[in-house]
Amino acid sequence: MKLTAAELGLYRNIIEETLLATDVCTIQTRTWTADDMGGGSYTWANTATSVPCRLIPENLSTREDISGGKVAIHDMYVLYVHWDRSLDETMRVTFGGETFEVSHVDDVHTERLTRSANVVRVG
């Protein structure tokens, strides 16, 4: 059964006032900064600050990759933000002094109450 616009608005308000009201994070986008020599480097710029969010660890979920010739294990989390917040896999999030890369955004819901993303702690 599809929610009415009023029901959807009500549920989104409840979630924003409860689930997302506890913490804030900063969403960053990678940008290219040119130098005087024709080159440049990538830096991270704050796209949105003080974003209401909730970060929840995924139970026993880790990701492995090779870094510096060694296997590195990264903890996985789920990040919840406002249902219409811009968020994609090219972004990263800072939360509580730590940095998390967005690895997947879940955008398949027809009546989205929040936007959720799998994020990986880096560093």
N, C-alpha and C. Protein backbone atom coordinates (compact mmCIF):
# COMPACT_ATOMS: atom_id res chain seq x y z
N MET A 1 0.84 -1.17 0.00
CA MET A 1 0.00 0.00 0.00
C MET A 1 0.89 1.24 0.00
N LYS A 2 0.62 2.13 -0.88
CA LYS A 2 1.40 3.35 -1.01
C LYS A 2 0.99 4.38 0.04
N LEU A 3 1.99 5.05 0.61
CA LEU A 3 1.71 6.10 1.59
C LEU A 3 1.17 7.34 0.89
N THR A 4 0.30 8.05 1.56
CA THR A 4 -0.15 9.33 1.03
C THR A 4 0.96 10.36 1.24
N ALA A 5 0.87 11.49 0.56
CA ALA A 5 1.86 12.56 0.73
C ALA A 5 1.89 13.04 2.17
N ALA A 6 0.73 13.11 2.81
CA ALA A 6 0.67 13.56 4.21
C ALA A 6 1.34 12.54 5.14
N GLU A 7 1.07 11.25 4.91
CA GLU A 7 1.71 10.22 5.73
C GLU A 7 3.22 10.22 5.54
N LEU A 8 3.65 10.33 4.31
CA LEU A 8 5.08 10.35 4.01
C LEU A 8 5.75 11.54 4.70
N GLY A 9 5.13 12.72 4.62
CA GLY A 9 5.67 13.90 5.29
C GLY A 9 5.73 13.73 6.80
N LEU A 10 4.68 13.13 7.38
CA LEU A 10 4.64 12.89 8.82
C LEU A 10 5.77 11.96 9.24
N TYR A 11 5.95 10.84 8.54
CA TYR A 11 7.00 9.88 8.88
C TYR A 11 8.39 10.49 8.71
N ARG A 12 8.58 11.28 7.67
CA ARG A 12 9.88 11.94 7.47
C ARG A 12 10.18 12.91 8.61
N ASN A 13 9.17 13.64 9.06
CA ASN A 13 9.35 14.57 10.18
C ASN A 13 9.70 13.84 11.47
N ILE A 14 9.03 12.72 11.71
CA ILE A 14 9.30 11.93 12.92
C ILE A 14 10.74 11.42 12.88
N ILE A 15 11.17 10.91 11.74
CA ILE A 15 12.54 10.40 11.61
C ILE A 15 13.55 11.52 11.80
N GLU A 16 13.28 12.67 11.21
CA GLU A 16 14.21 13.78 11.32
C GLU A 16 14.32 14.26 12.77
N GLU A 17 13.22 14.24 13.50
CA GLU A 17 13.21 14.72 14.88
C GLU A 17 13.75 13.69 15.86
N THR A 18 13.85 12.43 15.46
CA THR A 18 14.32 11.39 16.38
C THR A 18 15.62 10.77 15.89
N LEU A 19 15.57 10.03 14.82
CA LEU A 19 16.74 9.30 14.32
C LEU A 19 17.87 10.22 13.92
N LEU A 20 17.57 11.32 13.24
CA LEU A 20 18.62 12.19 12.71
C LEU A 20 18.96 13.36 13.63
N ALA A 21 18.32 13.44 14.78
CA ALA A 21 18.50 14.61 15.64
C ALA A 21 19.67 14.47 16.62
N THR A 22 20.39 13.36 16.57
CA THR A 22 21.40 13.13 17.59
C THR A 22 22.79 13.63 17.22
N ASP A 23 23.15 13.58 15.95
CA ASP A 23 24.52 13.91 15.55
C ASP A 23 24.53 14.72 14.27
N VAL A 24 25.69 15.28 13.98
CA VAL A 24 25.89 15.99 12.71
C VAL A 24 27.20 15.53 12.08
N CYS A 25 27.27 15.65 10.77
CA CYS A 25 28.48 15.30 10.04
C CYS A 25 28.72 16.35 8.96
N THR A 26 29.87 16.24 8.31
CA THR A 26 30.21 17.11 7.19
C THR A 26 30.38 16.24 5.96
N ILE A 27 29.74 16.62 4.88
CA ILE A 27 29.87 15.90 3.61
C ILE A 27 30.88 16.65 2.75
N GLN A 28 31.83 15.90 2.20
CA GLN A 28 32.89 16.49 1.39
C GLN A 28 32.90 15.93 -0.02
N THR A 29 33.30 16.80 -0.96
CA THR A 29 33.43 16.42 -2.36
C THR A 29 34.87 16.62 -2.80
N ARG A 30 35.37 15.69 -3.59
CA ARG A 30 36.74 15.80 -4.10
C ARG A 30 36.77 16.82 -5.22
N THR A 31 37.72 17.76 -5.13
CA THR A 31 37.85 18.80 -6.14
C THR A 31 39.29 18.85 -6.65
N TRP A 32 39.44 19.28 -7.88
CA TRP A 32 40.75 19.42 -8.51
C TRP A 32 41.22 20.85 -8.34
N THR A 33 42.44 21.01 -7.84
CA THR A 33 43.04 22.32 -7.68
C THR A 33 44.26 22.40 -8.58
N ALA A 34 44.23 23.28 -9.59
CA ALA A 34 45.34 23.42 -10.53
C ALA A 34 46.47 24.22 -9.88
N ASP A 35 47.70 23.90 -10.28
CA ASP A 35 48.83 24.69 -9.81
C ASP A 35 49.42 25.50 -10.97
N ASP A 36 50.46 26.29 -10.71
CA ASP A 36 51.06 27.16 -11.72
C ASP A 36 51.90 26.40 -12.73
N MET A 37 52.16 25.13 -12.51
CA MET A 37 53.03 24.35 -13.37
C MET A 37 52.25 23.50 -14.37
N GLY A 38 50.96 23.68 -14.45
CA GLY A 38 50.14 22.90 -15.37
C GLY A 38 49.62 21.61 -14.78
N GLY A 39 49.96 21.34 -13.55
CA GLY A 39 49.47 20.15 -12.86
C GLY A 39 48.44 20.54 -11.84
N GLY A 40 48.40 19.77 -10.80
CA GLY A 40 47.47 20.07 -9.72
C GLY A 40 47.31 18.87 -8.82
N SER A 41 46.37 18.98 -7.94
CA SER A 41 46.11 17.88 -7.01
C SER A 41 44.64 17.91 -6.60
N TYR A 42 44.22 16.77 -6.11
CA TYR A 42 42.87 16.68 -5.57
C TYR A 42 42.87 17.07 -4.10
N THR A 43 41.84 17.78 -3.70
CA THR A 43 41.63 18.11 -2.31
C THR A 43 40.16 17.85 -1.99
N TRP A 44 39.85 17.85 -0.73
CA TRP A 44 38.47 17.66 -0.31
C TRP A 44 37.89 18.98 0.18
N ALA A 45 36.73 19.32 -0.35
CA ALA A 45 36.05 20.56 0.03
C ALA A 45 34.74 20.22 0.74
N ASN A 46 34.43 20.97 1.77
CA ASN A 46 33.16 20.78 2.47
C ASN A 46 32.01 21.19 1.57
N THR A 47 31.14 20.23 1.28
CA THR A 47 29.95 20.48 0.46
C THR A 47 28.78 20.90 1.35
N ALA A 48 28.68 20.25 2.51
CA ALA A 48 27.61 20.56 3.46
C ALA A 48 28.14 20.31 4.86
N THR A 49 27.92 21.25 5.76
CA THR A 49 28.37 21.11 7.15
C THR A 49 27.16 21.04 8.08
N SER A 50 27.39 20.53 9.26
CA SER A 50 26.34 20.39 10.28
C SER A 50 25.11 19.67 9.73
N VAL A 51 25.37 18.59 8.99
CA VAL A 51 24.29 17.79 8.40
C VAL A 51 23.75 16.83 9.46
N PRO A 52 22.46 16.91 9.80
CA PRO A 52 21.90 15.95 10.74
C PRO A 52 22.06 14.52 10.19
N CYS A 53 22.56 13.62 11.04
CA CYS A 53 22.83 12.27 10.54
C CYS A 53 22.80 11.27 11.69
N ARG A 54 22.90 10.02 11.32
CA ARG A 54 23.07 8.92 12.27
C ARG A 54 24.04 7.95 11.62
N LEU A 55 25.07 7.54 12.36
CA LEU A 55 26.07 6.59 11.88
C LEU A 55 25.98 5.35 12.75
N ILE A 56 25.74 4.21 12.10
CA ILE A 56 25.54 2.96 12.83
C ILE A 56 26.52 1.91 12.30
N PRO A 57 27.28 1.26 13.19
CA PRO A 57 28.19 0.20 12.71
C PRO A 57 27.41 -0.99 12.17
N GLU A 58 27.92 -1.57 11.10
CA GLU A 58 27.35 -2.82 10.61
C GLU A 58 27.98 -3.93 11.44
N ASN A 59 27.16 -4.76 12.02
CA ASN A 59 27.66 -5.82 12.89
C ASN A 59 28.57 -6.77 12.12
N LEU A 60 29.79 -6.89 12.62
CA LEU A 60 30.78 -7.83 12.09
C LEU A 60 31.05 -7.66 10.61
N SER A 61 30.88 -6.47 10.08
CA SER A 61 31.08 -6.25 8.66
C SER A 61 32.36 -5.44 8.44
N THR A 62 33.25 -5.99 7.64
CA THR A 62 34.49 -5.31 7.31
C THR A 62 34.75 -5.42 5.82
N ARG A 63 35.64 -4.57 5.34
CA ARG A 63 36.07 -4.65 3.95
C ARG A 63 37.58 -4.78 3.95
N GLU A 64 38.10 -5.67 3.11
CA GLU A 64 39.54 -5.84 2.99
C GLU A 64 40.02 -5.29 1.66
N ASP A 65 41.20 -4.67 1.67
CA ASP A 65 41.85 -4.29 0.42
C ASP A 65 43.35 -4.30 0.65
N ILE A 66 44.10 -4.14 -0.41
CA ILE A 66 45.55 -4.14 -0.33
C ILE A 66 46.02 -2.69 -0.30
N SER A 67 46.80 -2.35 0.72
CA SER A 67 47.33 -1.01 0.87
C SER A 67 48.79 -1.12 1.28
N GLY A 68 49.69 -0.61 0.43
CA GLY A 68 51.11 -0.68 0.73
C GLY A 68 51.63 -2.10 0.80
N GLY A 69 51.06 -2.99 -0.02
CA GLY A 69 51.49 -4.38 -0.03
C GLY A 69 50.97 -5.21 1.12
N LYS A 70 50.08 -4.64 1.94
CA LYS A 70 49.52 -5.35 3.08
C LYS A 70 48.00 -5.36 2.98
N VAL A 71 47.40 -6.36 3.58
CA VAL A 71 45.94 -6.41 3.64
C VAL A 71 45.47 -5.44 4.71
N ALA A 72 44.59 -4.54 4.33
CA ALA A 72 44.03 -3.58 5.28
C ALA A 72 42.56 -3.93 5.50
N ILE A 73 42.14 -3.91 6.74
CA ILE A 73 40.76 -4.21 7.08
C ILE A 73 40.08 -2.92 7.54
N HIS A 74 38.94 -2.62 6.95
CA HIS A 74 38.21 -1.39 7.25
C HIS A 74 36.83 -1.74 7.82
N ASP A 75 36.44 -1.04 8.87
CA ASP A 75 35.12 -1.23 9.47
C ASP A 75 34.05 -0.59 8.59
N MET A 76 32.91 -1.25 8.48
CA MET A 76 31.79 -0.77 7.67
C MET A 76 30.71 -0.18 8.58
N TYR A 77 30.07 0.87 8.07
CA TYR A 77 28.99 1.55 8.79
C TYR A 77 27.87 1.88 7.82
N VAL A 78 26.70 2.19 8.38
CA VAL A 78 25.59 2.73 7.60
C VAL A 78 25.35 4.15 8.08
N LEU A 79 25.31 5.07 7.13
CA LEU A 79 25.06 6.48 7.42
C LEU A 79 23.65 6.81 6.96
N TYR A 80 22.88 7.46 7.83
CA TYR A 80 21.54 7.92 7.50
C TYR A 80 21.53 9.44 7.51
N VAL A 81 20.99 10.03 6.45
CA VAL A 81 20.84 11.49 6.36
C VAL A 81 19.42 11.78 5.86
N HIS A 82 19.09 13.07 5.79
CA HIS A 82 17.77 13.50 5.32
C HIS A 82 17.47 12.86 3.97
N TRP A 83 16.24 12.54 3.73
CA TRP A 83 15.83 11.77 2.55
C TRP A 83 16.22 12.41 1.22
N ASP A 84 16.36 13.74 1.16
CA ASP A 84 16.70 14.37 -0.12
C ASP A 84 18.11 14.97 -0.13
N ARG A 85 18.95 14.59 0.83
CA ARG A 85 20.33 15.08 0.90
C ARG A 85 21.14 14.51 -0.26
N SER A 86 21.89 15.37 -0.94
CA SER A 86 22.76 14.92 -2.02
C SER A 86 23.91 14.11 -1.43
N LEU A 87 24.07 12.89 -1.91
CA LEU A 87 25.10 11.99 -1.42
C LEU A 87 25.37 10.94 -2.48
N ASP A 88 26.64 10.73 -2.83
CA ASP A 88 26.97 9.68 -3.80
C ASP A 88 28.34 9.10 -3.51
N GLU A 89 28.74 8.11 -4.31
CA GLU A 89 29.95 7.34 -4.07
C GLU A 89 31.24 8.13 -4.31
N THR A 90 31.16 9.34 -4.83
CA THR A 90 32.36 10.15 -5.02
C THR A 90 32.65 11.01 -3.80
N MET A 91 31.79 10.95 -2.81
CA MET A 91 31.90 11.82 -1.63
C MET A 91 32.47 11.07 -0.44
N ARG A 92 32.83 11.85 0.56
CA ARG A 92 33.20 11.27 1.85
C ARG A 92 32.56 12.11 2.95
N VAL A 93 32.58 11.55 4.15
CA VAL A 93 31.91 12.17 5.29
C VAL A 93 32.88 12.21 6.46
N THR A 94 32.89 13.34 7.17
CA THR A 94 33.63 13.39 8.43
C THR A 94 32.61 13.41 9.56
N PHE A 95 32.93 12.64 10.58
CA PHE A 95 32.00 12.44 11.69
C PHE A 95 32.82 12.17 12.94
N GLY A 96 32.66 12.98 13.96
CA GLY A 96 33.35 12.74 15.21
C GLY A 96 34.86 12.68 15.09
N GLY A 97 35.43 13.47 14.18
CA GLY A 97 36.87 13.48 14.00
C GLY A 97 37.41 12.37 13.12
N GLU A 98 36.55 11.54 12.59
CA GLU A 98 36.97 10.46 11.70
C GLU A 98 36.42 10.68 10.30
N THR A 99 37.05 10.03 9.33
CA THR A 99 36.65 10.18 7.93
C THR A 99 36.13 8.85 7.40
N PHE A 100 35.04 8.93 6.62
CA PHE A 100 34.40 7.75 6.05
C PHE A 100 34.17 7.97 4.56
N GLU A 101 34.54 6.99 3.74
CA GLU A 101 34.27 7.05 2.31
C GLU A 101 32.92 6.42 2.03
N VAL A 102 32.15 7.06 1.15
CA VAL A 102 30.86 6.51 0.75
C VAL A 102 31.12 5.41 -0.27
N SER A 103 30.71 4.19 0.05
CA SER A 103 30.95 3.08 -0.88
C SER A 103 29.70 2.68 -1.66
N HIS A 104 28.53 2.99 -1.12
CA HIS A 104 27.28 2.65 -1.83
C HIS A 104 26.14 3.49 -1.24
N VAL A 105 25.31 4.04 -2.10
CA VAL A 105 24.12 4.78 -1.66
C VAL A 105 22.90 3.96 -2.04
N ASP A 106 22.02 3.75 -1.08
CA ASP A 106 20.81 2.95 -1.29
C ASP A 106 19.68 3.87 -1.75
N ASP A 107 19.39 3.84 -3.04
CA ASP A 107 18.38 4.73 -3.62
C ASP A 107 17.25 3.99 -4.32
N VAL A 108 16.92 2.81 -3.85
CA VAL A 108 15.92 2.01 -4.56
C VAL A 108 14.51 2.09 -3.97
N HIS A 109 14.33 2.83 -2.90
CA HIS A 109 13.02 2.88 -2.26
C HIS A 109 12.07 3.82 -3.00
N THR A 110 10.82 3.42 -3.10
CA THR A 110 9.84 4.27 -3.75
C THR A 110 9.33 5.37 -2.82
N GLU A 111 9.31 5.11 -1.53
CA GLU A 111 8.85 6.08 -0.55
C GLU A 111 9.94 6.27 0.50
N ARG A 112 11.02 6.85 0.07
CA ARG A 112 12.21 6.97 0.92
C ARG A 112 11.93 7.87 2.12
N LEU A 113 12.25 7.35 3.30
CA LEU A 113 12.10 8.12 4.52
C LEU A 113 13.43 8.76 4.92
N THR A 114 14.52 8.12 4.56
CA THR A 114 15.86 8.65 4.77
C THR A 114 16.70 8.28 3.55
N ARG A 115 17.86 8.86 3.44
CA ARG A 115 18.85 8.38 2.46
C ARG A 115 19.89 7.65 3.27
N SER A 116 20.19 6.43 2.87
CA SER A 116 21.19 5.65 3.59
C SER A 116 22.34 5.30 2.65
N ALA A 117 23.52 5.17 3.25
CA ALA A 117 24.71 4.85 2.47
C ALA A 117 25.62 3.95 3.30
N ASN A 118 26.25 3.01 2.63
CA ASN A 118 27.31 2.25 3.27
C ASN A 118 28.57 3.09 3.22
N VAL A 119 29.23 3.23 4.36
CA VAL A 119 30.46 4.01 4.42
C VAL A 119 31.54 3.17 5.11
N VAL A 120 32.79 3.49 4.75
CA VAL A 120 33.94 2.75 5.27
C VAL A 120 34.87 3.73 5.97
N ARG A 121 35.25 3.43 7.19
CA ARG A 121 36.18 4.30 7.91
C ARG A 121 37.56 4.18 7.28
N VAL A 122 38.17 5.33 7.02
CA VAL A 122 39.50 5.37 6.41
C VAL A 122 40.48 6.04 7.36
N GLY A 123 41.74 5.75 7.14
CA GLY A 123 42.78 6.41 7.93
C GLY A 123 43.17 5.70 9.15
